[in-house]
């Protein structure tokens, strides 16, 4: 078996926050998110991303990126816009392929405009493990 093996993603959940019980270590996911409503743009946002991985072994470098869907598969014109979106690296150690590890990455960012974004989890040399769509829309003026 190789010294390090890329894991399989069981879960990738965008949410308001995650609580980890101090005695049991169990995670409680609070306020799942798939859509942000903004009053104006650019719009600040604060959220967490919960992940669960299995079927890996050894130390694994993980990367989490938020990307604008308009720049996916396009030429280099979208790279400047995406360079302002968050990208985070973290290393996890998976004891054996039968283990499941869980983790949380908290983000504070600014969505520059309305649109569809993707939260992407990568392992190793850029192997995409899983992604989640996030829609960012202008909040409609609601009257009471």
N, C-alpha and C. Protein backbone atom coordinates (compact mmCIF):
# COMPACT_ATOMS: atom_id res chain seq x y z
N UNK A 1 0.85 -1.19 0.00
CA UNK A 1 0.00 0.00 0.00
C UNK A 1 0.88 1.24 0.00
N UNK A 2 0.54 2.26 -0.79
CA UNK A 2 1.36 3.47 -0.82
C UNK A 2 1.34 4.18 0.52
N UNK A 3 2.34 5.04 0.75
CA UNK A 3 2.45 5.77 2.02
C UNK A 3 1.25 6.69 2.23
N UNK A 4 0.70 7.22 1.15
CA UNK A 4 -0.44 8.11 1.24
C UNK A 4 -1.40 7.80 0.10
N UNK A 5 -2.68 7.75 0.42
CA UNK A 5 -3.70 7.42 -0.57
C UNK A 5 -4.80 8.47 -0.49
N UNK A 6 -5.20 9.04 -1.64
CA UNK A 6 -6.26 10.03 -1.63
C UNK A 6 -7.56 9.41 -1.12
N UNK A 7 -8.29 10.15 -0.29
CA UNK A 7 -9.52 9.63 0.30
C UNK A 7 -10.73 9.76 -0.62
N UNK A 8 -11.82 9.17 -0.18
CA UNK A 8 -13.12 9.27 -0.81
C UNK A 8 -13.97 10.19 0.07
N UNK A 9 -14.62 11.18 -0.53
CA UNK A 9 -15.44 12.13 0.24
C UNK A 9 -16.83 11.56 0.46
N UNK A 10 -17.20 11.46 1.72
CA UNK A 10 -18.55 11.01 2.09
C UNK A 10 -19.51 12.18 2.18
N UNK A 11 -19.01 13.35 2.59
CA UNK A 11 -19.87 14.51 2.78
C UNK A 11 -19.10 15.80 2.59
N UNK A 12 -19.79 16.79 2.06
CA UNK A 12 -19.29 18.17 1.96
C UNK A 12 -20.53 19.04 2.13
N UNK A 13 -20.63 19.70 3.28
CA UNK A 13 -21.85 20.45 3.62
C UNK A 13 -21.49 21.88 3.97
N UNK A 14 -22.11 22.81 3.27
CA UNK A 14 -21.96 24.24 3.55
C UNK A 14 -23.03 24.60 4.57
N UNK A 15 -22.63 25.26 5.66
CA UNK A 15 -23.57 25.53 6.74
C UNK A 15 -23.17 26.80 7.51
N UNK A 16 -24.06 27.23 8.40
CA UNK A 16 -23.77 28.40 9.21
C UNK A 16 -22.63 28.14 10.18
N UNK A 17 -22.68 26.99 10.86
CA UNK A 17 -21.61 26.63 11.79
C UNK A 17 -21.70 25.15 12.12
N UNK A 18 -20.66 24.66 12.79
CA UNK A 18 -20.61 23.27 13.23
C UNK A 18 -20.15 23.26 14.68
N UNK A 19 -20.90 22.54 15.51
CA UNK A 19 -20.54 22.39 16.92
C UNK A 19 -19.93 21.00 17.09
N UNK A 20 -18.81 20.94 17.80
CA UNK A 20 -18.20 19.64 18.10
C UNK A 20 -18.31 19.41 19.59
N UNK A 21 -18.97 18.31 19.96
CA UNK A 21 -19.18 17.98 21.37
C UNK A 21 -17.84 17.70 22.04
N UNK A 22 -17.56 18.37 23.16
CA UNK A 22 -16.24 18.23 23.78
C UNK A 22 -15.92 16.81 24.29
N UNK A 23 -16.94 16.07 24.75
CA UNK A 23 -16.67 14.73 25.27
C UNK A 23 -16.69 13.65 24.19
N UNK A 24 -17.68 13.70 23.29
CA UNK A 24 -17.84 12.62 22.32
C UNK A 24 -17.13 12.89 21.00
N UNK A 25 -16.87 14.17 20.71
CA UNK A 25 -16.25 14.51 19.44
C UNK A 25 -17.23 14.52 18.27
N UNK A 26 -18.51 14.26 18.55
CA UNK A 26 -19.50 14.25 17.47
C UNK A 26 -19.76 15.67 16.99
N UNK A 27 -20.01 15.78 15.67
CA UNK A 27 -20.28 17.07 15.04
C UNK A 27 -21.78 17.28 14.88
N UNK A 28 -22.23 18.49 15.16
CA UNK A 28 -23.61 18.89 14.91
C UNK A 28 -23.57 20.03 13.89
N UNK A 29 -24.23 19.81 12.77
CA UNK A 29 -24.23 20.78 11.67
C UNK A 29 -25.43 21.71 11.87
N UNK A 30 -25.17 23.02 11.87
CA UNK A 30 -26.21 24.00 12.13
C UNK A 30 -26.46 24.86 10.90
N UNK A 31 -27.70 24.90 10.44
CA UNK A 31 -28.11 25.80 9.37
C UNK A 31 -27.47 25.51 8.02
N UNK A 32 -27.89 24.44 7.36
CA UNK A 32 -27.32 24.13 6.05
C UNK A 32 -27.64 25.25 5.07
N UNK A 33 -26.70 25.49 4.14
CA UNK A 33 -26.81 26.61 3.20
C UNK A 33 -26.61 26.11 1.78
N UNK A 34 -27.50 26.52 0.89
CA UNK A 34 -27.26 26.32 -0.54
C UNK A 34 -27.53 27.60 -1.32
N UNK A 35 -28.03 28.63 -0.58
CA UNK A 35 -28.32 29.91 -1.23
C UNK A 35 -28.08 31.04 -0.24
N UNK A 36 -27.36 32.05 -0.72
CA UNK A 36 -27.18 33.28 0.05
C UNK A 36 -28.01 34.37 -0.60
N UNK A 37 -28.67 35.20 0.22
CA UNK A 37 -29.39 36.36 -0.29
C UNK A 37 -28.66 37.60 0.21
N UNK A 38 -28.36 38.48 -0.71
CA UNK A 38 -27.59 39.68 -0.37
C UNK A 38 -28.38 40.94 -0.67
N UNK A 39 -28.23 41.94 0.17
CA UNK A 39 -28.90 43.23 -0.05
C UNK A 39 -28.16 44.07 -1.06
N UNK A 40 -26.84 43.87 -1.15
CA UNK A 40 -26.02 44.63 -2.10
C UNK A 40 -24.78 43.81 -2.43
N UNK A 41 -24.11 44.23 -3.50
CA UNK A 41 -22.87 43.57 -3.91
C UNK A 41 -21.78 44.61 -4.03
N UNK A 42 -20.56 44.23 -3.66
CA UNK A 42 -20.14 42.95 -3.13
C UNK A 42 -20.77 42.68 -1.76
N UNK A 43 -20.93 41.38 -1.44
CA UNK A 43 -21.63 40.97 -0.24
C UNK A 43 -20.75 40.09 0.65
N UNK A 44 -20.51 40.52 1.90
CA UNK A 44 -19.73 39.69 2.81
C UNK A 44 -20.52 38.46 3.25
N UNK A 45 -19.81 37.38 3.50
CA UNK A 45 -20.45 36.14 3.96
C UNK A 45 -19.51 35.43 4.92
N UNK A 46 -20.09 34.80 5.91
CA UNK A 46 -19.34 33.99 6.87
C UNK A 46 -20.07 32.65 6.98
N UNK A 47 -19.35 31.56 6.78
CA UNK A 47 -19.95 30.24 6.85
C UNK A 47 -18.89 29.18 7.11
N UNK A 48 -19.34 27.95 7.36
CA UNK A 48 -18.44 26.83 7.61
C UNK A 48 -18.69 25.75 6.58
N UNK A 49 -17.69 24.91 6.37
CA UNK A 49 -17.81 23.77 5.47
C UNK A 49 -17.39 22.53 6.24
N UNK A 50 -18.33 21.61 6.40
CA UNK A 50 -18.08 20.32 7.08
C UNK A 50 -17.72 19.29 6.02
N UNK A 51 -16.72 18.45 6.31
CA UNK A 51 -16.39 17.36 5.40
C UNK A 51 -16.16 16.08 6.17
N UNK A 52 -16.44 14.96 5.51
CA UNK A 52 -16.15 13.63 6.06
C UNK A 52 -15.47 12.83 4.96
N UNK A 53 -14.37 12.17 5.32
CA UNK A 53 -13.57 11.43 4.36
C UNK A 53 -13.29 10.02 4.86
N UNK A 54 -13.14 9.09 3.93
CA UNK A 54 -12.75 7.72 4.27
C UNK A 54 -11.90 7.16 3.13
N UNK A 55 -11.48 5.92 3.28
CA UNK A 55 -10.78 5.18 2.23
C UNK A 55 -9.46 5.81 1.82
N UNK A 56 -8.84 6.52 2.75
CA UNK A 56 -7.52 7.08 2.48
C UNK A 56 -6.54 6.56 3.51
N UNK A 57 -5.29 6.94 3.36
CA UNK A 57 -4.31 6.57 4.38
C UNK A 57 -3.16 7.55 4.36
N UNK A 58 -2.65 7.80 5.56
CA UNK A 58 -1.50 8.67 5.69
C UNK A 58 -1.86 10.13 5.66
N UNK A 59 -0.84 10.99 5.61
CA UNK A 59 -1.09 12.43 5.54
C UNK A 59 -1.61 12.82 4.16
N UNK A 60 -2.65 13.64 4.15
CA UNK A 60 -3.26 14.08 2.89
C UNK A 60 -3.44 15.59 2.96
N UNK A 61 -2.95 16.28 1.95
CA UNK A 61 -3.18 17.73 1.84
C UNK A 61 -4.53 17.95 1.19
N UNK A 62 -5.38 18.72 1.86
CA UNK A 62 -6.70 19.06 1.32
C UNK A 62 -6.71 20.52 0.94
N UNK A 63 -7.43 20.84 -0.11
CA UNK A 63 -7.64 22.21 -0.52
C UNK A 63 -9.13 22.48 -0.66
N UNK A 64 -9.58 23.61 -0.18
CA UNK A 64 -10.97 24.01 -0.31
C UNK A 64 -10.99 25.33 -1.06
N UNK A 65 -11.77 25.39 -2.14
CA UNK A 65 -11.85 26.61 -2.96
C UNK A 65 -13.29 26.98 -3.19
N UNK A 66 -13.52 28.27 -3.30
CA UNK A 66 -14.80 28.80 -3.77
C UNK A 66 -14.52 29.36 -5.15
N UNK A 67 -15.27 28.89 -6.16
CA UNK A 67 -15.05 29.37 -7.53
C UNK A 67 -16.36 29.84 -8.15
N UNK A 68 -16.26 30.82 -9.00
CA UNK A 68 -17.39 31.36 -9.74
C UNK A 68 -17.67 30.42 -10.92
N UNK A 69 -18.90 29.96 -11.06
CA UNK A 69 -19.22 28.99 -12.12
C UNK A 69 -18.97 29.56 -13.52
N UNK A 70 -19.03 30.87 -13.68
CA UNK A 70 -18.81 31.47 -15.00
C UNK A 70 -17.38 31.27 -15.48
N UNK A 71 -16.46 31.05 -14.55
CA UNK A 71 -15.06 30.90 -14.93
C UNK A 71 -14.66 29.43 -15.12
N UNK A 72 -15.54 28.49 -14.75
CA UNK A 72 -15.20 27.08 -14.91
C UNK A 72 -15.18 26.70 -16.38
N UNK A 73 -14.13 26.05 -16.81
CA UNK A 73 -14.02 25.59 -18.19
C UNK A 73 -13.78 26.70 -19.18
N UNK A 74 -13.57 27.91 -18.70
CA UNK A 74 -13.34 29.05 -19.60
C UNK A 74 -11.84 29.24 -19.80
N UNK A 75 -11.51 30.21 -20.60
CA UNK A 75 -10.10 30.56 -20.79
C UNK A 75 -9.57 31.28 -19.55
N UNK A 76 -8.49 31.95 -19.63
CA UNK A 76 -7.86 32.60 -18.48
C UNK A 76 -8.58 33.86 -18.02
N UNK A 77 -9.64 34.29 -18.69
CA UNK A 77 -10.30 35.55 -18.34
C UNK A 77 -10.94 35.52 -16.96
N UNK A 78 -11.34 34.36 -16.45
CA UNK A 78 -11.97 34.28 -15.14
C UNK A 78 -11.00 34.08 -14.00
N UNK A 79 -9.73 33.90 -14.28
CA UNK A 79 -8.76 33.62 -13.23
C UNK A 79 -8.58 34.80 -12.27
N UNK A 80 -8.64 36.03 -12.78
CA UNK A 80 -8.46 37.19 -11.90
C UNK A 80 -9.60 37.25 -10.89
N UNK A 81 -10.83 37.03 -11.33
CA UNK A 81 -11.98 37.06 -10.44
C UNK A 81 -11.86 35.96 -9.38
N UNK A 82 -11.51 34.73 -9.79
CA UNK A 82 -11.40 33.64 -8.84
C UNK A 82 -10.21 33.81 -7.90
N UNK A 83 -9.20 34.56 -8.29
CA UNK A 83 -8.04 34.74 -7.41
C UNK A 83 -8.42 35.53 -6.17
N UNK A 84 -9.55 36.24 -6.21
CA UNK A 84 -10.01 36.98 -5.04
C UNK A 84 -10.93 36.16 -4.16
N UNK A 85 -11.30 34.97 -4.60
CA UNK A 85 -12.16 34.11 -3.81
C UNK A 85 -11.29 33.21 -2.94
N UNK A 86 -11.83 32.76 -1.78
CA UNK A 86 -11.00 32.02 -0.83
C UNK A 86 -10.50 30.67 -1.35
N UNK A 87 -9.30 30.36 -0.92
CA UNK A 87 -8.71 29.05 -1.16
C UNK A 87 -7.92 28.71 0.09
N UNK A 88 -8.24 27.58 0.71
CA UNK A 88 -7.65 27.19 1.99
C UNK A 88 -7.01 25.82 1.87
N UNK A 89 -5.87 25.66 2.53
CA UNK A 89 -5.17 24.38 2.56
C UNK A 89 -5.14 23.87 4.00
N UNK A 90 -5.29 22.55 4.16
CA UNK A 90 -5.18 21.92 5.47
C UNK A 90 -4.65 20.51 5.26
N UNK A 91 -3.86 20.04 6.21
CA UNK A 91 -3.37 18.67 6.13
C UNK A 91 -4.10 17.82 7.16
N UNK A 92 -4.56 16.65 6.73
CA UNK A 92 -5.21 15.70 7.64
C UNK A 92 -4.42 14.40 7.59
N UNK A 93 -4.52 13.64 8.67
CA UNK A 93 -3.87 12.34 8.71
C UNK A 93 -4.95 11.28 8.86
N UNK A 94 -4.99 10.36 7.91
CA UNK A 94 -5.98 9.29 7.95
C UNK A 94 -5.24 8.02 8.37
N UNK A 95 -5.57 7.48 9.56
CA UNK A 95 -4.81 6.35 10.09
C UNK A 95 -4.84 5.10 9.20
N UNK A 96 -6.00 4.79 8.64
CA UNK A 96 -6.12 3.62 7.77
C UNK A 96 -7.35 3.78 6.89
N UNK A 97 -7.46 2.98 5.82
CA UNK A 97 -8.58 3.14 4.87
C UNK A 97 -9.97 2.90 5.47
N UNK A 98 -10.04 2.26 6.63
CA UNK A 98 -11.34 1.99 7.24
C UNK A 98 -11.78 3.11 8.18
N UNK A 99 -10.92 4.08 8.40
CA UNK A 99 -11.25 5.21 9.27
C UNK A 99 -12.10 6.23 8.52
N UNK A 100 -12.93 6.92 9.26
CA UNK A 100 -13.65 8.08 8.74
C UNK A 100 -13.20 9.28 9.56
N UNK A 101 -12.71 10.30 8.87
CA UNK A 101 -12.32 11.51 9.59
C UNK A 101 -13.28 12.63 9.19
N UNK A 102 -13.52 13.51 10.15
CA UNK A 102 -14.40 14.65 9.92
C UNK A 102 -13.62 15.92 10.21
N UNK A 103 -13.99 16.98 9.54
CA UNK A 103 -13.34 18.25 9.77
C UNK A 103 -14.24 19.42 9.39
N UNK A 104 -13.82 20.60 9.81
CA UNK A 104 -14.58 21.82 9.54
C UNK A 104 -13.60 22.91 9.13
N UNK A 105 -13.95 23.62 8.09
CA UNK A 105 -13.19 24.79 7.67
C UNK A 105 -14.14 25.98 7.70
N UNK A 106 -13.77 27.01 8.44
CA UNK A 106 -14.61 28.22 8.52
C UNK A 106 -14.07 29.27 7.56
N UNK A 107 -14.98 29.91 6.85
CA UNK A 107 -14.60 30.91 5.85
C UNK A 107 -15.29 32.23 6.12
N UNK A 108 -14.56 33.29 5.84
CA UNK A 108 -15.12 34.64 5.83
C UNK A 108 -14.68 35.23 4.50
N UNK A 109 -15.63 35.62 3.67
CA UNK A 109 -15.30 36.05 2.31
C UNK A 109 -16.27 37.10 1.82
N UNK A 110 -16.06 37.53 0.59
CA UNK A 110 -16.96 38.48 -0.05
C UNK A 110 -17.35 37.91 -1.41
N UNK A 111 -18.66 37.78 -1.64
CA UNK A 111 -19.14 37.40 -2.97
C UNK A 111 -19.20 38.69 -3.79
N UNK A 112 -18.46 38.77 -4.90
CA UNK A 112 -18.40 40.02 -5.66
C UNK A 112 -19.68 40.35 -6.42
N UNK A 113 -20.47 39.32 -6.77
CA UNK A 113 -21.66 39.55 -7.59
C UNK A 113 -22.63 38.38 -7.45
N UNK A 114 -23.83 38.59 -7.98
CA UNK A 114 -24.80 37.50 -8.04
C UNK A 114 -24.27 36.39 -8.92
N UNK A 115 -24.76 35.18 -8.68
CA UNK A 115 -24.37 34.09 -9.56
C UNK A 115 -24.31 32.76 -8.85
N UNK A 116 -23.79 31.79 -9.57
CA UNK A 116 -23.62 30.44 -9.04
C UNK A 116 -22.14 30.23 -8.78
N UNK A 117 -21.85 29.76 -7.58
CA UNK A 117 -20.48 29.48 -7.16
C UNK A 117 -20.41 28.01 -6.77
N UNK A 118 -19.20 27.48 -6.71
CA UNK A 118 -19.00 26.12 -6.26
C UNK A 118 -17.99 26.10 -5.12
N UNK A 119 -18.30 25.32 -4.10
CA UNK A 119 -17.38 25.02 -3.01
C UNK A 119 -16.76 23.68 -3.37
N UNK A 120 -15.45 23.66 -3.60
CA UNK A 120 -14.76 22.46 -4.09
C UNK A 120 -13.73 21.98 -3.09
N UNK A 121 -13.73 20.66 -2.85
CA UNK A 121 -12.77 20.03 -1.96
C UNK A 121 -11.81 19.18 -2.80
N UNK A 122 -10.51 19.46 -2.67
CA UNK A 122 -9.47 18.77 -3.43
C UNK A 122 -8.56 18.01 -2.49
N UNK A 123 -7.91 16.97 -3.01
CA UNK A 123 -6.90 16.24 -2.25
C UNK A 123 -5.64 16.10 -3.08
N UNK A 124 -4.52 16.04 -2.37
CA UNK A 124 -3.24 15.78 -3.03
C UNK A 124 -2.90 16.80 -4.08
N UNK A 125 -2.69 16.33 -5.30
CA UNK A 125 -2.23 17.18 -6.40
C UNK A 125 -3.38 17.80 -7.19
N UNK A 126 -4.49 18.10 -6.54
CA UNK A 126 -5.60 18.76 -7.23
C UNK A 126 -6.71 17.82 -7.63
N UNK A 127 -6.77 16.63 -7.05
CA UNK A 127 -7.82 15.66 -7.34
C UNK A 127 -9.14 16.14 -6.69
N UNK A 128 -10.13 16.49 -7.51
CA UNK A 128 -11.42 16.96 -6.99
C UNK A 128 -12.15 15.81 -6.32
N UNK A 129 -12.43 15.97 -5.02
CA UNK A 129 -13.14 14.94 -4.26
C UNK A 129 -14.65 15.13 -4.31
N UNK A 130 -15.09 16.39 -4.14
CA UNK A 130 -16.52 16.67 -4.12
C UNK A 130 -16.72 18.17 -4.25
N UNK A 131 -17.88 18.58 -4.77
CA UNK A 131 -18.21 20.01 -4.83
C UNK A 131 -19.68 20.21 -4.53
N UNK A 132 -20.00 21.41 -4.04
CA UNK A 132 -21.37 21.81 -3.74
C UNK A 132 -21.64 23.16 -4.38
N UNK A 133 -22.82 23.29 -4.95
CA UNK A 133 -23.23 24.54 -5.59
C UNK A 133 -23.78 25.49 -4.53
N UNK A 134 -23.42 26.77 -4.67
CA UNK A 134 -23.94 27.83 -3.81
C UNK A 134 -24.49 28.92 -4.74
N UNK A 135 -25.76 29.24 -4.60
CA UNK A 135 -26.38 30.30 -5.39
C UNK A 135 -26.37 31.59 -4.57
N UNK A 136 -25.94 32.66 -5.18
CA UNK A 136 -25.92 33.96 -4.51
C UNK A 136 -26.84 34.89 -5.31
N UNK A 137 -27.87 35.40 -4.63
CA UNK A 137 -28.88 36.20 -5.32
C UNK A 137 -29.19 37.47 -4.52
N UNK A 138 -29.68 38.46 -5.22
CA UNK A 138 -30.10 39.69 -4.57
C UNK A 138 -31.38 39.41 -3.78
N UNK A 139 -31.42 39.92 -2.56
CA UNK A 139 -32.62 39.79 -1.75
C UNK A 139 -33.70 40.69 -2.32
N UNK A 140 -34.89 40.15 -2.48
CA UNK A 140 -35.98 40.96 -3.01
C UNK A 140 -36.49 41.88 -1.91
N UNK A 141 -36.99 43.03 -2.32
CA UNK A 141 -37.53 43.97 -1.34
C UNK A 141 -38.87 43.43 -0.86
N UNK A 142 -38.89 42.97 0.38
CA UNK A 142 -40.13 42.40 0.92
C UNK A 142 -40.85 43.45 1.73
N UNK A 143 -42.15 43.51 1.55
CA UNK A 143 -42.98 44.45 2.31
C UNK A 143 -43.82 43.68 3.30
N UNK A 144 -43.99 44.28 4.48
CA UNK A 144 -44.78 43.60 5.49
C UNK A 144 -46.24 43.95 5.42
